[in-house]
């Protein structure tokens, strides 16, 4: 399977009730400043992705699975406000950590990881509108719901033409973080 350049976006609404977390992983019409451009998610952008298997993670870490749509522990739906979720959190260390951080108000917010299929975005000047996304995961973000500079700097309008350059830059940026 080819390596995908998964993008991430963050929002800040999540609530806890017992072992259940709920809130919004994304909101429509909100404009995010993504470095050199602005971005918004159009209503319906997640519609096709809702039929797939989507993970709920802690801090985008695939080693900290909190639930998933395939097992029924994560439910996702679009409403007029955005991409809403209901998550029955696993009784694991990561799950207990997530619930405690939400209850205390210490989480940075929610985020989602995605790729954009061909034709899934439109541009108007420096504003990117996501019209269709392949949703991979939603995450509870325990620190700041911000995107690493390396990912921000590597987004481009010409997805296919710049994919290899972004892949190489991501590898170099990852090596620098470990140096």
N, C-alpha and C. Protein backbone atom coordinates (compact mmCIF):
# COMPACT_ATOMS: atom_id res chain seq x y z
N UNK A 1 0.84 -1.17 0.00
CA UNK A 1 0.00 0.00 0.00
C UNK A 1 0.89 1.24 0.00
N UNK A 2 0.64 2.22 -0.89
CA UNK A 2 1.48 3.41 -0.95
C UNK A 2 1.29 4.28 0.29
N UNK A 3 2.36 4.97 0.67
CA UNK A 3 2.30 5.88 1.81
C UNK A 3 1.45 7.09 1.43
N UNK A 4 0.51 7.45 2.28
CA UNK A 4 -0.37 8.57 2.02
C UNK A 4 0.07 9.77 2.84
N UNK A 5 -0.04 10.95 2.26
CA UNK A 5 0.23 12.18 3.00
C UNK A 5 -1.06 12.59 3.69
N UNK A 6 -1.25 12.13 4.92
CA UNK A 6 -2.47 12.40 5.65
C UNK A 6 -2.39 13.79 6.25
N UNK A 7 -3.41 14.58 5.98
CA UNK A 7 -3.50 15.93 6.55
C UNK A 7 -4.29 15.86 7.84
N UNK A 8 -4.07 16.84 8.72
CA UNK A 8 -4.79 16.88 9.99
C UNK A 8 -5.33 18.27 10.23
N UNK A 9 -6.52 18.35 10.81
CA UNK A 9 -7.14 19.61 11.19
C UNK A 9 -7.68 19.47 12.60
N UNK A 10 -7.69 20.55 13.35
CA UNK A 10 -8.09 20.48 14.75
C UNK A 10 -9.24 21.43 15.09
N UNK A 11 -10.08 20.99 16.03
CA UNK A 11 -11.19 21.76 16.54
C UNK A 11 -11.25 21.51 18.04
N UNK A 12 -12.09 22.24 18.75
CA UNK A 12 -11.98 22.15 20.21
C UNK A 12 -13.29 21.86 20.93
N UNK A 13 -14.08 20.94 20.44
CA UNK A 13 -15.29 20.61 21.17
C UNK A 13 -15.38 19.12 21.44
N UNK A 14 -15.33 18.77 22.72
CA UNK A 14 -15.48 17.38 23.15
C UNK A 14 -15.99 17.38 24.58
N UNK A 15 -16.91 16.46 24.89
CA UNK A 15 -17.50 16.36 26.22
C UNK A 15 -17.44 14.91 26.68
N UNK A 16 -17.39 14.71 28.01
CA UNK A 16 -17.34 13.36 28.58
C UNK A 16 -18.57 13.12 29.44
N UNK A 17 -19.11 11.90 29.34
CA UNK A 17 -20.19 11.45 30.21
C UNK A 17 -19.96 9.96 30.45
N UNK A 18 -19.44 9.61 31.63
CA UNK A 18 -19.09 8.22 31.89
C UNK A 18 -17.92 7.82 31.01
N UNK A 19 -18.06 6.73 30.26
CA UNK A 19 -17.02 6.27 29.35
C UNK A 19 -17.31 6.70 27.92
N UNK A 20 -18.20 7.64 27.73
CA UNK A 20 -18.59 8.10 26.40
C UNK A 20 -18.10 9.54 26.19
N UNK A 21 -17.47 9.74 25.04
CA UNK A 21 -17.06 11.07 24.62
C UNK A 21 -17.88 11.45 23.40
N UNK A 22 -18.21 12.72 23.29
CA UNK A 22 -18.94 13.18 22.11
C UNK A 22 -18.59 14.62 21.83
N UNK A 23 -18.84 15.01 20.62
CA UNK A 23 -18.55 16.38 20.21
C UNK A 23 -18.47 16.48 18.71
N UNK A 24 -17.62 17.38 18.23
CA UNK A 24 -17.43 17.60 16.80
C UNK A 24 -15.95 17.46 16.47
N UNK A 25 -15.67 16.63 15.48
CA UNK A 25 -14.29 16.48 15.00
C UNK A 25 -13.98 17.53 13.94
N UNK A 26 -15.01 18.11 13.34
CA UNK A 26 -14.85 19.16 12.33
C UNK A 26 -16.13 19.97 12.28
N UNK A 27 -16.00 21.23 11.93
CA UNK A 27 -17.18 22.07 11.74
C UNK A 27 -17.15 22.67 10.34
N UNK A 28 -18.35 22.83 9.78
CA UNK A 28 -18.47 23.38 8.44
C UNK A 28 -18.42 24.91 8.49
N UNK A 29 -17.97 25.49 7.42
CA UNK A 29 -17.96 26.94 7.22
C UNK A 29 -16.91 27.67 8.05
N UNK A 30 -16.33 27.02 9.06
CA UNK A 30 -15.25 27.65 9.81
C UNK A 30 -14.03 27.76 8.90
N UNK A 31 -13.34 28.86 8.98
CA UNK A 31 -12.16 29.06 8.15
C UNK A 31 -10.92 28.88 9.02
N UNK A 32 -10.03 28.02 8.56
CA UNK A 32 -8.76 27.78 9.26
C UNK A 32 -7.63 28.41 8.48
N UNK A 33 -6.70 29.03 9.18
CA UNK A 33 -5.52 29.59 8.55
C UNK A 33 -4.45 28.51 8.52
N UNK A 34 -4.10 28.07 7.31
CA UNK A 34 -3.14 26.99 7.13
C UNK A 34 -1.93 27.57 6.42
N UNK A 35 -1.12 28.29 7.15
CA UNK A 35 0.08 28.87 6.56
C UNK A 35 -0.25 29.88 5.49
N UNK A 36 0.09 29.56 4.24
CA UNK A 36 -0.06 30.51 3.13
C UNK A 36 -1.47 30.56 2.58
N UNK A 37 -2.38 29.74 3.08
CA UNK A 37 -3.74 29.77 2.57
C UNK A 37 -4.74 29.53 3.70
N UNK A 38 -6.00 29.74 3.36
CA UNK A 38 -7.08 29.46 4.29
C UNK A 38 -7.86 28.27 3.78
N UNK A 39 -8.54 27.61 4.70
CA UNK A 39 -9.25 26.39 4.33
C UNK A 39 -10.56 26.30 5.08
N UNK A 40 -11.54 25.70 4.42
CA UNK A 40 -12.82 25.41 5.07
C UNK A 40 -13.32 24.06 4.57
N UNK A 41 -14.19 23.46 5.36
CA UNK A 41 -14.78 22.17 5.01
C UNK A 41 -16.22 22.41 4.61
N UNK A 42 -16.59 21.95 3.42
CA UNK A 42 -17.95 22.10 2.94
C UNK A 42 -18.86 21.03 3.54
N UNK A 43 -20.11 21.39 3.75
CA UNK A 43 -21.09 20.40 4.21
C UNK A 43 -21.13 19.27 3.19
N UNK A 44 -21.18 18.04 3.68
CA UNK A 44 -21.20 16.87 2.81
C UNK A 44 -19.83 16.31 2.49
N UNK A 45 -18.77 16.98 2.92
CA UNK A 45 -17.41 16.54 2.58
C UNK A 45 -17.09 15.15 3.13
N UNK A 46 -17.73 14.76 4.23
CA UNK A 46 -17.44 13.47 4.86
C UNK A 46 -18.43 12.38 4.47
N UNK A 47 -19.44 12.71 3.70
CA UNK A 47 -20.56 11.79 3.42
C UNK A 47 -20.08 10.40 2.98
N UNK A 48 -19.23 10.33 1.98
CA UNK A 48 -18.78 9.03 1.47
C UNK A 48 -17.88 8.32 2.49
N UNK A 49 -17.06 9.09 3.21
CA UNK A 49 -16.13 8.50 4.17
C UNK A 49 -16.84 7.86 5.36
N UNK A 50 -18.06 8.27 5.64
CA UNK A 50 -18.79 7.74 6.79
C UNK A 50 -19.12 6.26 6.63
N UNK A 51 -19.09 5.75 5.41
CA UNK A 51 -19.38 4.33 5.18
C UNK A 51 -18.15 3.46 5.41
N UNK A 52 -16.97 4.06 5.55
CA UNK A 52 -15.74 3.29 5.72
C UNK A 52 -15.41 3.04 7.18
N UNK A 53 -14.26 2.43 7.40
CA UNK A 53 -13.78 2.16 8.76
C UNK A 53 -12.89 3.32 9.19
N UNK A 54 -13.33 4.04 10.19
CA UNK A 54 -12.61 5.20 10.71
C UNK A 54 -12.21 4.91 12.15
N UNK A 55 -10.98 5.24 12.50
CA UNK A 55 -10.48 5.03 13.86
C UNK A 55 -10.66 6.27 14.71
N UNK A 56 -10.79 6.08 16.01
CA UNK A 56 -10.69 7.16 16.99
C UNK A 56 -9.38 6.91 17.74
N UNK A 57 -8.50 7.91 17.76
CA UNK A 57 -7.17 7.77 18.35
C UNK A 57 -6.93 8.84 19.41
N UNK A 58 -5.91 8.62 20.20
CA UNK A 58 -5.41 9.64 21.10
C UNK A 58 -4.15 10.22 20.46
N UNK A 59 -4.16 11.51 20.20
CA UNK A 59 -3.02 12.22 19.62
C UNK A 59 -2.53 11.65 18.29
N UNK A 60 -3.45 11.21 17.45
CA UNK A 60 -3.12 10.67 16.12
C UNK A 60 -2.18 9.46 16.20
N UNK A 61 -2.13 8.80 17.35
CA UNK A 61 -1.22 7.68 17.55
C UNK A 61 -1.95 6.37 17.26
N UNK A 62 -1.59 5.65 16.19
CA UNK A 62 -2.28 4.40 15.88
C UNK A 62 -2.06 3.31 16.94
N UNK A 63 -1.16 3.53 17.86
CA UNK A 63 -0.96 2.62 18.99
C UNK A 63 -1.89 2.92 20.14
N UNK A 64 -2.70 3.97 20.02
CA UNK A 64 -3.63 4.36 21.08
C UNK A 64 -5.05 4.46 20.51
N UNK A 65 -5.57 3.31 20.09
CA UNK A 65 -6.91 3.24 19.52
C UNK A 65 -7.94 3.33 20.64
N UNK A 66 -8.88 4.23 20.49
CA UNK A 66 -9.94 4.42 21.48
C UNK A 66 -11.25 3.78 21.02
N UNK A 67 -11.40 3.59 19.72
CA UNK A 67 -12.60 2.99 19.16
C UNK A 67 -12.53 3.03 17.65
N UNK A 68 -13.56 2.46 17.00
CA UNK A 68 -13.59 2.50 15.53
C UNK A 68 -15.00 2.23 15.04
N UNK A 69 -15.28 2.74 13.87
CA UNK A 69 -16.63 2.60 13.32
C UNK A 69 -16.95 1.14 13.00
N UNK A 70 -15.96 0.35 12.54
CA UNK A 70 -16.22 -1.04 12.16
C UNK A 70 -16.72 -1.87 13.34
N UNK A 71 -16.30 -1.53 14.56
CA UNK A 71 -16.74 -2.28 15.73
C UNK A 71 -17.99 -1.68 16.37
N UNK A 72 -18.38 -0.50 15.90
CA UNK A 72 -19.55 0.17 16.47
C UNK A 72 -19.24 1.00 17.70
N UNK A 73 -17.97 1.07 18.11
CA UNK A 73 -17.63 1.87 19.29
C UNK A 73 -17.46 3.34 18.96
N UNK A 74 -17.38 3.66 17.67
CA UNK A 74 -17.33 5.05 17.20
C UNK A 74 -18.46 5.25 16.21
N UNK A 75 -19.27 6.27 16.47
CA UNK A 75 -20.34 6.63 15.55
C UNK A 75 -20.07 8.03 15.05
N UNK A 76 -20.11 8.19 13.74
CA UNK A 76 -19.88 9.48 13.10
C UNK A 76 -21.10 9.84 12.27
N UNK A 77 -21.44 11.12 12.26
CA UNK A 77 -22.52 11.58 11.40
C UNK A 77 -22.33 13.06 11.11
N UNK A 78 -22.84 13.46 9.98
CA UNK A 78 -22.84 14.87 9.62
C UNK A 78 -24.19 15.46 10.01
N UNK A 79 -24.16 16.63 10.61
CA UNK A 79 -25.38 17.40 10.81
C UNK A 79 -25.12 18.79 10.22
N UNK A 80 -25.98 19.73 10.49
CA UNK A 80 -25.82 21.05 9.88
C UNK A 80 -24.59 21.79 10.39
N UNK A 81 -24.08 21.40 11.54
CA UNK A 81 -22.92 22.08 12.12
C UNK A 81 -21.58 21.49 11.68
N UNK A 82 -21.53 20.15 11.51
CA UNK A 82 -20.26 19.56 11.13
C UNK A 82 -20.24 18.06 11.27
N UNK A 83 -19.04 17.52 11.48
CA UNK A 83 -18.85 16.09 11.66
C UNK A 83 -18.92 15.79 13.15
N UNK A 84 -20.03 15.22 13.58
CA UNK A 84 -20.24 14.90 14.99
C UNK A 84 -19.81 13.47 15.25
N UNK A 85 -19.44 13.20 16.50
CA UNK A 85 -19.05 11.85 16.87
C UNK A 85 -19.58 11.50 18.24
N UNK A 86 -19.78 10.20 18.44
CA UNK A 86 -20.09 9.61 19.74
C UNK A 86 -19.13 8.43 19.86
N UNK A 87 -18.33 8.42 20.92
CA UNK A 87 -17.29 7.43 21.10
C UNK A 87 -17.43 6.74 22.44
N UNK A 88 -17.65 5.42 22.41
CA UNK A 88 -17.63 4.61 23.62
C UNK A 88 -16.18 4.18 23.80
N UNK A 89 -15.52 4.80 24.77
CA UNK A 89 -14.07 4.68 24.92
C UNK A 89 -13.69 3.33 25.54
N UNK A 90 -12.67 2.72 24.95
CA UNK A 90 -12.14 1.46 25.45
C UNK A 90 -11.56 1.65 26.85
N UNK A 91 -11.67 0.61 27.68
CA UNK A 91 -11.11 0.65 29.03
C UNK A 91 -9.64 0.21 28.96
N UNK A 92 -8.86 1.06 28.33
CA UNK A 92 -7.42 0.87 28.19
C UNK A 92 -6.73 2.05 28.85
N UNK A 93 -5.42 1.99 28.97
CA UNK A 93 -4.72 3.14 29.56
C UNK A 93 -4.96 4.40 28.73
N UNK A 94 -4.90 4.28 27.42
CA UNK A 94 -5.14 5.44 26.55
C UNK A 94 -6.57 5.95 26.73
N UNK A 95 -7.54 5.03 26.85
CA UNK A 95 -8.93 5.42 27.05
C UNK A 95 -9.14 6.14 28.38
N UNK A 96 -8.56 5.59 29.44
CA UNK A 96 -8.68 6.23 30.75
C UNK A 96 -8.01 7.61 30.74
N UNK A 97 -6.85 7.71 30.08
CA UNK A 97 -6.16 9.00 29.97
C UNK A 97 -7.04 10.01 29.23
N UNK A 98 -7.62 9.58 28.12
CA UNK A 98 -8.45 10.49 27.32
C UNK A 98 -9.64 11.00 28.13
N UNK A 99 -10.33 10.10 28.79
CA UNK A 99 -11.49 10.50 29.58
C UNK A 99 -11.10 11.46 30.69
N UNK A 100 -10.03 11.17 31.40
CA UNK A 100 -9.59 12.03 32.49
C UNK A 100 -9.21 13.42 31.98
N UNK A 101 -8.49 13.47 30.88
CA UNK A 101 -8.08 14.77 30.32
C UNK A 101 -9.29 15.59 29.86
N UNK A 102 -10.29 14.93 29.30
CA UNK A 102 -11.50 15.64 28.87
C UNK A 102 -12.25 16.14 30.10
N UNK A 103 -12.44 15.30 31.09
CA UNK A 103 -13.16 15.70 32.30
C UNK A 103 -12.50 16.90 32.98
N UNK A 104 -11.19 16.91 33.02
CA UNK A 104 -10.46 18.00 33.66
C UNK A 104 -10.40 19.27 32.79
N UNK A 105 -10.75 19.13 31.53
CA UNK A 105 -10.66 20.27 30.62
C UNK A 105 -9.25 20.51 30.11
N UNK A 106 -8.41 19.48 30.16
CA UNK A 106 -7.01 19.62 29.78
C UNK A 106 -6.73 19.32 28.31
N UNK A 107 -7.68 18.76 27.58
CA UNK A 107 -7.39 18.44 26.18
C UNK A 107 -7.33 19.70 25.34
N UNK A 108 -6.53 19.62 24.30
CA UNK A 108 -6.43 20.74 23.38
C UNK A 108 -7.60 20.81 22.43
N UNK A 109 -8.26 19.69 22.19
CA UNK A 109 -9.41 19.67 21.30
C UNK A 109 -9.50 18.39 20.50
N UNK A 110 -10.19 18.47 19.39
CA UNK A 110 -10.37 17.35 18.48
C UNK A 110 -9.64 17.64 17.18
N UNK A 111 -9.29 16.59 16.49
CA UNK A 111 -8.60 16.72 15.22
C UNK A 111 -9.05 15.59 14.32
N UNK A 112 -8.81 15.72 13.04
CA UNK A 112 -9.11 14.61 12.14
C UNK A 112 -8.02 14.49 11.09
N UNK A 113 -7.72 13.25 10.72
CA UNK A 113 -6.71 12.95 9.72
C UNK A 113 -7.40 12.50 8.44
N UNK A 114 -6.94 12.98 7.30
CA UNK A 114 -7.64 12.71 6.05
C UNK A 114 -6.70 12.84 4.86
N UNK A 115 -7.17 12.33 3.75
CA UNK A 115 -6.55 12.60 2.46
C UNK A 115 -7.63 13.19 1.57
N UNK A 116 -7.20 13.85 0.53
CA UNK A 116 -8.15 14.47 -0.40
C UNK A 116 -8.08 13.71 -1.72
N UNK A 117 -9.19 13.09 -2.13
CA UNK A 117 -9.16 12.39 -3.41
C UNK A 117 -9.13 13.40 -4.56
N UNK A 118 -8.74 12.93 -5.70
CA UNK A 118 -8.72 13.78 -6.88
C UNK A 118 -10.10 14.40 -7.08
N UNK A 119 -10.12 15.71 -7.25
CA UNK A 119 -11.37 16.43 -7.43
C UNK A 119 -12.09 16.75 -6.13
N UNK A 120 -11.49 16.45 -4.99
CA UNK A 120 -12.15 16.66 -3.71
C UNK A 120 -11.97 18.04 -3.12
N UNK A 121 -11.23 18.91 -3.82
CA UNK A 121 -11.01 20.27 -3.31
C UNK A 121 -11.21 21.27 -4.43
N UNK A 122 -11.58 22.47 -4.04
CA UNK A 122 -11.64 23.58 -4.98
C UNK A 122 -10.88 24.75 -4.38
N UNK A 123 -10.39 25.60 -5.25
CA UNK A 123 -9.63 26.77 -4.83
C UNK A 123 -10.29 28.03 -5.38
N UNK A 124 -10.36 29.04 -4.54
CA UNK A 124 -10.78 30.37 -4.98
C UNK A 124 -9.74 31.32 -4.39
N UNK A 125 -8.79 31.73 -5.23
CA UNK A 125 -7.67 32.52 -4.74
C UNK A 125 -6.86 31.68 -3.77
N UNK A 126 -6.69 32.18 -2.56
CA UNK A 126 -5.91 31.45 -1.56
C UNK A 126 -6.80 30.72 -0.56
N UNK A 127 -8.05 30.45 -0.95
CA UNK A 127 -8.97 29.73 -0.07
C UNK A 127 -9.25 28.35 -0.66
N UNK A 128 -8.91 27.34 0.11
CA UNK A 128 -9.15 25.95 -0.27
C UNK A 128 -10.43 25.49 0.40
N UNK A 129 -11.32 24.89 -0.39
CA UNK A 129 -12.54 24.31 0.17
C UNK A 129 -12.49 22.81 -0.02
N UNK A 130 -12.57 22.08 1.08
CA UNK A 130 -12.59 20.62 1.04
C UNK A 130 -14.02 20.19 0.78
N UNK A 131 -14.27 19.60 -0.37
CA UNK A 131 -15.61 19.16 -0.76
C UNK A 131 -15.81 17.66 -0.58
N UNK A 132 -14.71 16.92 -0.60
CA UNK A 132 -14.76 15.47 -0.42
C UNK A 132 -13.44 15.05 0.20
N UNK A 133 -13.52 14.34 1.33
CA UNK A 133 -12.30 13.86 1.98
C UNK A 133 -12.43 12.38 2.27
N UNK A 134 -11.30 11.70 2.26
CA UNK A 134 -11.23 10.32 2.71
C UNK A 134 -10.77 10.38 4.17
N UNK A 135 -11.72 10.23 5.07
CA UNK A 135 -11.45 10.33 6.50
C UNK A 135 -10.76 9.07 6.98
N UNK A 136 -9.61 9.22 7.63
CA UNK A 136 -8.85 8.07 8.15
C UNK A 136 -9.06 7.89 9.64
N UNK A 137 -9.09 9.03 10.36
CA UNK A 137 -9.21 8.95 11.82
C UNK A 137 -9.63 10.29 12.39
N UNK A 138 -10.21 10.21 13.58
CA UNK A 138 -10.41 11.41 14.39
C UNK A 138 -9.56 11.19 15.63
N UNK A 139 -9.10 12.28 16.24
CA UNK A 139 -8.23 12.17 17.41
C UNK A 139 -8.60 13.15 18.49
N UNK A 140 -8.46 12.69 19.71
CA UNK A 140 -8.49 13.58 20.86
C UNK A 140 -7.06 14.06 21.01
N UNK A 141 -6.88 15.36 21.00
CA UNK A 141 -5.54 15.94 21.03
C UNK A 141 -5.28 16.45 22.44
N UNK A 142 -4.32 15.82 23.13
CA UNK A 142 -4.10 16.16 24.54
C UNK A 142 -3.29 17.43 24.73
N UNK A 143 -2.55 17.85 23.74
CA UNK A 143 -1.76 19.08 23.87
C UNK A 143 -2.43 20.18 23.04
N UNK A 144 -1.65 20.85 22.23
CA UNK A 144 -2.18 21.92 21.40
C UNK A 144 -2.72 21.35 20.11
N UNK A 145 -3.91 21.74 19.70
CA UNK A 145 -4.44 21.22 18.44
C UNK A 145 -3.86 22.00 17.26
N UNK A 146 -2.56 21.87 17.09
CA UNK A 146 -1.87 22.58 16.02
C UNK A 146 -1.21 21.56 15.11
N UNK A 147 -0.85 22.01 13.94
CA UNK A 147 -0.23 21.13 12.97
C UNK A 147 1.26 21.39 12.93
N UNK A 148 2.06 20.32 12.84
CA UNK A 148 3.51 20.51 12.76
C UNK A 148 3.87 21.37 11.56
N UNK A 149 4.85 22.25 11.75
CA UNK A 149 5.26 23.14 10.66
C UNK A 149 5.63 22.39 9.41
N UNK A 150 6.19 21.22 9.57
CA UNK A 150 6.60 20.46 8.38
C UNK A 150 5.40 20.10 7.52
N UNK A 151 4.30 19.72 8.14
CA UNK A 151 3.12 19.38 7.35
C UNK A 151 2.49 20.63 6.76
N UNK A 152 2.46 21.70 7.53
CA UNK A 152 1.87 22.93 7.01
C UNK A 152 2.62 23.45 5.81
N UNK A 153 3.90 23.42 5.90
CA UNK A 153 4.71 23.96 4.83
C UNK A 153 4.67 23.09 3.58
N UNK A 154 4.23 21.85 3.71
CA UNK A 154 4.30 20.93 2.59
C UNK A 154 2.99 20.79 1.83
N UNK A 155 1.92 21.41 2.27
CA UNK A 155 0.67 21.32 1.54
C UNK A 155 0.80 22.13 0.25
N UNK A 156 0.17 21.64 -0.78
CA UNK A 156 0.30 22.31 -2.07
C UNK A 156 -0.98 22.16 -2.86
N UNK A 157 -1.21 23.10 -3.77
CA UNK A 157 -2.38 23.03 -4.64
C UNK A 157 -2.24 21.90 -5.65
N UNK A 158 -1.08 21.69 -6.15
CA UNK A 158 -0.84 20.67 -7.17
C UNK A 158 -0.49 19.37 -6.48
N UNK A 159 -1.48 18.65 -5.99
CA UNK A 159 -1.26 17.46 -5.18
C UNK A 159 -0.38 16.44 -5.89
N UNK A 160 -0.71 16.06 -7.10
CA UNK A 160 0.04 15.01 -7.79
C UNK A 160 1.46 15.46 -8.12
N UNK A 161 1.62 16.70 -8.57
CA UNK A 161 2.94 17.17 -8.97
C UNK A 161 3.88 17.33 -7.78
N UNK A 162 3.36 17.62 -6.61
CA UNK A 162 4.20 17.88 -5.46
C UNK A 162 4.28 16.71 -4.48
N UNK A 163 3.63 15.61 -4.76
CA UNK A 163 3.57 14.51 -3.80
C UNK A 163 4.96 13.97 -3.45
N UNK A 164 5.81 13.76 -4.42
CA UNK A 164 7.14 13.22 -4.15
C UNK A 164 7.98 14.22 -3.37
N UNK A 165 7.91 15.50 -3.71
CA UNK A 165 8.66 16.53 -2.99
C UNK A 165 8.20 16.57 -1.52
N UNK A 166 6.90 16.49 -1.29
CA UNK A 166 6.38 16.50 0.08
C UNK A 166 6.84 15.27 0.85
N UNK A 167 6.84 14.10 0.19
CA UNK A 167 7.27 12.88 0.85
C UNK A 167 8.72 13.00 1.30
N UNK A 168 9.59 13.50 0.40
CA UNK A 168 11.01 13.66 0.75
C UNK A 168 11.17 14.69 1.87
N UNK A 169 10.45 15.78 1.80
CA UNK A 169 10.56 16.81 2.83
C UNK A 169 10.08 16.29 4.19
N UNK A 170 9.01 15.48 4.19
CA UNK A 170 8.53 14.90 5.44
C UNK A 170 9.57 13.98 6.06
N UNK A 171 10.22 13.18 5.23
CA UNK A 171 11.27 12.29 5.74
C UNK A 171 12.40 13.12 6.34
N UNK A 172 12.84 14.17 5.64
CA UNK A 172 13.90 15.02 6.16
C UNK A 172 13.48 15.72 7.45
N UNK A 173 12.24 16.19 7.50
CA UNK A 173 11.76 16.87 8.69
C UNK A 173 11.70 15.90 9.88
N UNK A 174 11.29 14.66 9.62
CA UNK A 174 11.24 13.67 10.70
C UNK A 174 12.64 13.34 11.21
N UNK A 175 13.59 13.24 10.30
CA UNK A 175 14.97 12.99 10.70
C UNK A 175 15.49 14.14 11.57
N UNK A 176 15.15 15.38 11.20
CA UNK A 176 15.59 16.54 12.00
C UNK A 176 15.00 16.51 13.40
N UNK A 177 13.76 16.04 13.57
CA UNK A 177 13.17 16.01 14.90
C UNK A 177 13.85 15.00 15.81
N UNK A 178 14.45 13.97 15.23
CA UNK A 178 15.15 12.95 16.01
C UNK A 178 16.62 13.26 16.20
N UNK A 179 17.12 14.25 15.47
CA UNK A 179 18.56 14.59 15.55
C UNK A 179 18.87 15.42 16.78
